[in-house]
């Protein structure tokens, strides 16, 4: 038996319900805190403040959502630029969620 609290998964109706168990508020806040600490370390390499602004839980959820979407669409092996193309071949949700530069910055 794996450690942790046993749960009856039958009462979870949506994938989001299960996602919320895997990524609790505590875990997301830890990810945000660690990410912001790393951003502070690398911020001296950037001239403009907008290029190295800190993140929050909502943006981290958006980042994870885009990674899941790429996986679902089997686009996780595409070049990042291909996901943000404007020639009609892209998945529009990527451009609507965040800029490609911000996506790349957060992944680093």
Protein backbone atom coordinates (compact mmCIF):
# COMPACT_ATOMS: atom_id res chain seq x y z
CA UNK A 1 0.00 0.00 0.00
CA UNK A 2 1.28 3.45 -0.90
CA UNK A 3 1.72 6.05 1.84
CA UNK A 4 -0.85 8.76 2.19
CA UNK A 5 -4.52 9.05 2.90
CA UNK A 6 -6.60 6.41 1.11
CA UNK A 7 -9.33 8.01 -0.97
CA UNK A 8 -12.47 6.74 -2.57
CA UNK A 9 -12.07 8.00 -6.13
CA UNK A 10 -15.64 7.19 -7.14
CA UNK A 11 -16.98 10.54 -5.95
CA UNK A 12 -14.66 12.51 -8.26
CA UNK A 13 -16.64 13.38 -11.38
CA UNK A 14 -14.18 15.33 -13.53
CA UNK A 15 -10.47 15.26 -14.37
CA UNK A 16 -10.22 18.61 -12.59
CA UNK A 17 -11.38 16.99 -9.34
CA UNK A 18 -8.51 14.50 -9.54
CA UNK A 19 -6.05 17.22 -10.63
CA UNK A 20 -6.97 19.20 -7.51
CA UNK A 21 -6.01 16.21 -5.37
CA UNK A 22 -2.66 15.80 -7.10
CA UNK A 23 -1.88 19.53 -6.97
CA UNK A 24 -3.21 20.84 -3.67
CA UNK A 25 -3.07 24.52 -2.78
CA UNK A 26 -0.08 23.75 -0.57
CA UNK A 27 1.85 22.14 -3.43
CA UNK A 28 0.96 24.94 -5.85
CA UNK A 29 2.04 27.58 -3.34
CA UNK A 30 5.35 25.77 -2.87
CA UNK A 31 5.88 25.69 -6.64
CA UNK A 32 5.11 29.43 -6.84
CA UNK A 33 7.47 30.23 -3.96
CA UNK A 34 10.34 28.22 -5.43
CA UNK A 35 9.73 29.61 -8.91
CA UNK A 36 9.74 33.18 -7.61
CA UNK A 37 12.98 32.51 -5.73
CA UNK A 38 14.57 31.34 -8.98
CA UNK A 39 13.17 34.36 -10.82
CA UNK A 40 14.82 36.64 -8.26
CA UNK A 41 18.17 34.93 -8.90
CA UNK A 42 18.00 35.30 -12.70
CA UNK A 43 16.31 38.73 -12.73
CA UNK A 44 19.63 40.58 -12.95
CA UNK A 45 20.09 39.21 -16.48
CA UNK A 46 17.00 41.06 -17.74
CA UNK A 47 16.70 44.76 -18.49
CA UNK A 48 12.92 45.17 -18.57
CA UNK A 49 10.90 44.41 -15.45
CA UNK A 50 8.14 42.71 -17.45
CA UNK A 51 10.61 40.11 -18.69
CA UNK A 52 11.24 38.73 -15.21
CA UNK A 53 8.12 39.44 -13.19
CA UNK A 54 7.19 37.01 -10.44
CA UNK A 55 4.47 34.44 -10.92
CA UNK A 56 1.36 33.37 -9.01
CA UNK A 57 -0.82 30.30 -8.59
CA UNK A 58 -3.11 31.24 -11.49
CA UNK A 59 -0.21 31.56 -13.92
CA UNK A 60 1.32 28.25 -12.77
CA UNK A 61 -2.06 26.56 -13.30
CA UNK A 62 -2.18 28.10 -16.79
CA UNK A 63 1.33 26.81 -17.52
CA UNK A 64 0.43 23.29 -16.39
CA UNK A 65 -2.79 23.51 -18.40
CA UNK A 66 -0.87 24.34 -21.56
CA UNK A 67 1.49 21.42 -20.95
CA UNK A 68 -1.49 19.10 -20.50
CA UNK A 69 -3.12 20.50 -23.64
CA UNK A 70 0.03 19.90 -25.65
CA UNK A 71 0.08 16.33 -24.40
CA UNK A 72 -3.60 15.71 -25.15
CA UNK A 73 -3.23 17.13 -28.66
CA UNK A 74 -0.10 15.03 -29.10
CA UNK A 75 1.77 18.25 -29.73
CA UNK A 76 4.28 17.78 -26.93
CA UNK A 77 7.02 16.90 -29.43
CA UNK A 78 6.46 20.01 -31.54
CA UNK A 79 8.76 22.98 -31.47
CA UNK A 80 7.37 25.57 -29.03
CA UNK A 81 7.06 28.12 -31.84
CA UNK A 82 4.75 25.76 -33.73
CA UNK A 83 2.24 25.91 -30.86
CA UNK A 84 2.00 29.72 -31.15
CA UNK A 85 1.90 29.97 -34.96
CA UNK A 86 -0.59 32.41 -36.45
CA UNK A 87 -1.01 30.72 -39.83
CA UNK A 88 -4.10 28.77 -38.77
CA UNK A 89 -2.26 25.57 -37.83
CA UNK A 90 -1.76 26.40 -34.16
CA UNK A 91 -3.88 25.54 -31.15
CA UNK A 92 -5.44 28.92 -30.38
CA UNK A 93 -5.55 28.34 -26.63
CA UNK A 94 -1.78 28.72 -26.40
CA UNK A 95 -1.75 32.27 -27.75
CA UNK A 96 -4.82 33.20 -25.71
CA UNK A 97 -3.32 31.94 -22.44
CA UNK A 98 0.16 33.50 -22.40
CA UNK A 99 2.92 34.89 -24.56
CA UNK A 100 5.45 32.42 -25.93
CA UNK A 101 8.29 34.30 -24.23
CA UNK A 102 6.63 34.03 -20.85
CA UNK A 103 5.95 30.31 -21.42
CA UNK A 104 9.60 29.69 -22.22
CA UNK A 105 10.77 31.80 -19.29
CA UNK A 106 8.62 29.85 -16.81
CA UNK A 107 9.77 26.53 -18.22
CA UNK A 108 13.40 27.55 -17.66
